[in-house]
């Protein structure tokens, strides 16, 4: 297991007093919004089982979601809509959602740690962390909040649009999803720019 606090402790020891982790869920799907979360955990907080949301079962993510919400100093979870994804492109909409999530934090962090290798659209002082969701406690926590929140929304959308089976694939481009699109055409929650590549 990597020490999830190694990087953050180094940053804190260098004189930064408060940092947050930021991650998103839903950049790849054909339908639904993108969700971003920003989290400030108490320094050194051990949450057993904390890991990249993609490596956890749904049940484990749900458990950790409650632990993170209960123990975070502050957190923000927001969406960028399908309309915003279409207007800005998915990267622009992801940065928009991340900035909104950071804005919700109180107190405001000095530094935001962004999962991945791009932070050009982040409006506060920030630093990219490659594979941050597997190596960094605050980003791992943010990845879980974003994933659980988005999955819950896709379950609600599956009630509205049952013919697409969002509850099974959460909007990602599975065989089942493509079959439904061919049969029914896109719904109002599909991303038109993502469907142009459809074969």
Protein backbone atom coordinates (compact mmCIF):
# COMPACT_ATOMS: atom_id res chain seq x y z
CA UNK A 1 0.00 0.00 0.00
CA UNK A 2 1.44 3.42 -0.84
CA UNK A 3 1.62 5.91 2.01
CA UNK A 4 -1.32 8.10 1.01
CA UNK A 5 -0.05 11.00 3.14
CA UNK A 6 3.56 11.03 1.89
CA UNK A 7 3.14 13.78 -0.72
CA UNK A 8 0.75 15.85 1.36
CA UNK A 9 3.02 15.69 4.41
CA UNK A 10 5.95 16.87 2.28
CA UNK A 11 3.86 19.81 1.04
CA UNK A 12 2.63 20.65 4.55
CA UNK A 13 6.20 20.43 5.87
CA UNK A 14 7.31 22.88 3.17
CA UNK A 15 5.11 25.55 4.74
CA UNK A 16 1.72 25.17 3.07
CA UNK A 17 -0.90 25.38 5.80
CA UNK A 18 -3.96 23.97 4.01
CA UNK A 19 -4.42 21.91 0.88
CA UNK A 20 -7.26 20.10 -0.82
CA UNK A 21 -7.54 17.19 -3.22
CA UNK A 22 -9.63 17.47 -6.38
CA UNK A 23 -10.86 14.77 -8.74
CA UNK A 24 -13.68 14.16 -11.19
CA UNK A 25 -15.93 11.35 -12.31
CA UNK A 26 -17.63 11.05 -15.66
CA UNK A 27 -15.29 12.48 -18.26
CA UNK A 28 -15.72 9.49 -20.55
CA UNK A 29 -19.45 8.63 -20.60
CA UNK A 30 -21.83 9.32 -23.46
CA UNK A 31 -24.52 10.62 -21.11
CA UNK A 32 -24.94 12.61 -17.94
CA UNK A 33 -22.96 15.44 -16.38
CA UNK A 34 -19.37 15.39 -15.19
CA UNK A 35 -18.96 15.56 -11.41
CA UNK A 36 -16.05 17.08 -9.49
CA UNK A 37 -15.25 16.99 -5.80
CA UNK A 38 -12.77 18.90 -3.66
CA UNK A 39 -11.90 17.69 -0.16
CA UNK A 40 -9.82 18.93 2.75
CA UNK A 41 -9.10 16.05 5.14
CA UNK A 42 -7.61 16.62 8.59
CA UNK A 43 -3.87 16.12 8.15
CA UNK A 44 -2.80 12.51 8.65
CA UNK A 45 -6.34 11.16 9.02
CA UNK A 46 -6.31 7.40 8.47
CA UNK A 47 -9.41 6.12 6.69
CA UNK A 48 -9.07 2.33 6.41
CA UNK A 49 -9.62 1.16 2.84
CA UNK A 50 -9.21 4.61 1.28
CA UNK A 51 -8.10 4.13 -2.32
CA UNK A 52 -8.76 5.18 -5.89
CA UNK A 53 -12.55 4.94 -6.34
CA UNK A 54 -12.10 2.80 -9.47
CA UNK A 55 -10.41 0.07 -7.42
CA UNK A 56 -13.23 -0.21 -4.88
CA UNK A 57 -16.54 -2.03 -4.94
CA UNK A 58 -19.69 0.06 -5.00
CA UNK A 59 -20.51 -1.04 -1.43
CA UNK A 60 -17.04 -0.02 -0.19
CA UNK A 61 -17.27 3.35 -1.97
CA UNK A 62 -20.62 4.03 -0.30
CA UNK A 63 -19.16 3.24 3.14
CA UNK A 64 -16.11 5.43 2.54
CA UNK A 65 -18.31 8.23 1.18
CA UNK A 66 -20.02 8.54 4.57
CA UNK A 67 -16.70 8.37 6.46
CA UNK A 68 -15.19 11.11 4.27
CA UNK A 69 -18.22 13.39 4.59
CA UNK A 70 -18.22 12.91 8.38
CA UNK A 71 -14.51 13.55 8.87
CA UNK A 72 -13.58 16.14 6.23
CA UNK A 73 -12.66 19.65 7.33
CA UNK A 74 -14.61 20.79 4.28
CA UNK A 75 -15.77 19.39 0.95
CA UNK A 76 -17.52 20.50 -2.21
CA UNK A 77 -19.25 18.31 -4.81
CA UNK A 78 -20.63 19.82 -8.01
CA UNK A 79 -21.69 18.96 -11.54
CA UNK A 80 -21.05 20.54 -14.89
CA UNK A 81 -24.10 19.88 -17.04
CA UNK A 82 -24.39 18.23 -20.43
CA UNK A 83 -25.05 21.73 -21.84
CA UNK A 84 -21.81 23.01 -20.29
CA UNK A 85 -19.90 19.99 -21.63
CA UNK A 86 -21.24 20.77 -25.11
CA UNK A 87 -20.47 24.49 -24.85
CA UNK A 88 -16.96 24.18 -23.38
CA UNK A 89 -15.85 20.63 -24.36
CA UNK A 90 -15.29 17.99 -21.70
CA UNK A 91 -11.95 19.31 -20.46
CA UNK A 92 -13.29 22.85 -20.08
CA UNK A 93 -16.40 21.56 -18.30
CA UNK A 94 -14.23 19.43 -15.99
CA UNK A 95 -12.17 22.47 -14.97
CA UNK A 96 -15.39 24.46 -14.48
CA UNK A 97 -16.73 21.78 -12.13
CA UNK A 98 -13.40 21.51 -10.28
CA UNK A 99 -13.25 25.29 -9.76
CA UNK A 100 -16.83 25.27 -8.47
CA UNK A 101 -16.00 22.45 -6.05
CA UNK A 102 -12.94 24.31 -4.72
CA UNK A 103 -15.02 27.50 -4.32
CA UNK A 104 -17.33 25.62 -1.95
CA UNK A 105 -14.51 24.88 0.50
CA UNK A 106 -14.43 26.81 3.75
CA UNK A 107 -11.72 27.55 4.73
CA UNK A 108 -10.18 28.06 1.29
CA UNK A 109 -7.03 25.99 0.67
CA UNK A 110 -3.67 27.50 -0.20
CA UNK A 111 -3.01 24.76 -2.71
CA UNK A 112 -5.25 22.41 -4.70
CA UNK A 113 -3.87 19.01 -5.70
CA UNK A 114 -5.45 18.03 -9.02
CA UNK A 115 -5.61 14.40 -10.14
CA UNK A 116 -3.96 13.86 -13.52
CA UNK A 117 -1.58 15.87 -15.67
CA UNK A 118 -3.60 19.00 -16.55
CA UNK A 119 -4.48 21.95 -14.37
CA UNK A 120 -4.35 24.85 -16.85
CA UNK A 121 -8.00 25.73 -16.22
CA UNK A 122 -7.82 25.78 -12.42
CA UNK A 123 -8.20 29.31 -11.05
CA UNK A 124 -6.47 28.78 -7.68
CA UNK A 125 -2.89 27.81 -6.92
CA UNK A 126 -2.69 24.15 -7.90
CA UNK A 127 -0.41 21.25 -8.68
CA UNK A 128 -1.00 18.14 -10.79
CA UNK A 129 -0.54 14.73 -9.23
CA UNK A 130 -0.31 11.85 -11.71
CA UNK A 131 -2.33 8.86 -10.41
CA UNK A 132 -3.22 11.05 -7.46
CA UNK A 133 -6.37 9.09 -6.76
CA UNK A 134 -4.22 6.05 -5.85
CA UNK A 135 -1.34 7.90 -4.13
CA UNK A 136 -2.75 10.88 -2.30
CA UNK A 137 -5.28 10.81 0.55
CA UNK A 138 -7.16 14.01 -0.29
CA UNK A 139 -7.45 13.15 -4.00
CA UNK A 140 -8.52 9.56 -3.22
CA UNK A 141 -11.25 10.99 -0.98
CA UNK A 142 -12.32 13.42 -3.72
CA UNK A 143 -12.45 10.60 -6.27
CA UNK A 144 -14.85 8.65 -4.04
CA UNK A 145 -17.14 11.63 -3.41
CA UNK A 146 -17.31 12.42 -7.13
CA UNK A 147 -17.87 8.82 -8.24
CA UNK A 148 -20.56 8.01 -5.66
CA UNK A 149 -22.39 11.28 -6.30
CA UNK A 150 -22.37 10.79 -10.07
CA UNK A 151 -23.42 7.14 -9.82
CA UNK A 152 -26.35 8.13 -7.61
CA UNK A 153 -27.45 10.70 -10.17
CA UNK A 154 -27.21 8.17 -13.00
CA UNK A 155 -29.47 5.84 -10.98
CA UNK A 156 -32.04 8.66 -10.78
CA UNK A 157 -31.72 9.24 -14.53
CA UNK A 158 -32.26 5.52 -15.13
CA UNK A 159 -35.72 5.93 -13.54
CA UNK A 160 -36.46 8.78 -15.96
CA UNK A 161 -34.99 7.04 -19.01
CA UNK A 162 -35.25 3.30 -18.24
CA UNK A 163 -34.72 2.25 -21.86
CA UNK A 164 -30.99 3.18 -21.71
CA UNK A 165 -30.13 1.06 -18.61
CA UNK A 166 -28.04 3.83 -16.99
CA UNK A 167 -28.18 1.88 -13.72
CA UNK A 168 -25.92 -0.75 -15.31
CA UNK A 169 -23.30 1.30 -17.15
CA UNK A 170 -23.70 4.81 -15.63
CA UNK A 171 -23.70 6.34 -19.11
CA UNK A 172 -20.47 4.77 -20.35
CA UNK A 173 -20.34 3.41 -23.90
CA UNK A 174 -21.09 -0.25 -23.37
CA UNK A 175 -22.57 -2.63 -25.93
CA UNK A 176 -25.94 -2.45 -24.13
CA UNK A 177 -25.83 1.35 -24.20
CA UNK A 178 -25.00 1.54 -27.92
CA UNK A 179 -27.80 -0.90 -28.68
CA UNK A 180 -30.29 1.29 -26.80
CA UNK A 181 -29.03 4.39 -28.63
CA UNK A 182 -29.47 2.71 -31.98
CA UNK A 183 -32.98 1.65 -31.04
CA UNK A 184 -34.26 4.79 -29.26
CA UNK A 185 -31.89 7.58 -30.36
CA UNK A 186 -30.35 9.96 -27.82
CA UNK A 187 -32.15 11.29 -24.73
CA UNK A 188 -31.92 14.90 -23.43
CA UNK A 189 -29.14 13.78 -21.06
CA UNK A 190 -26.87 12.40 -23.80
CA UNK A 191 -23.83 14.40 -24.92
CA UNK A 192 -24.26 15.09 -28.66
CA UNK A 193 -20.53 15.68 -29.23
CA UNK A 194 -19.77 12.25 -27.76
CA UNK A 195 -22.24 10.52 -30.07
CA UNK A 196 -20.68 11.81 -33.30
CA UNK A 197 -18.09 9.06 -33.05
CA UNK A 198 -20.82 6.45 -32.76
CA UNK A 199 -20.56 3.56 -35.14
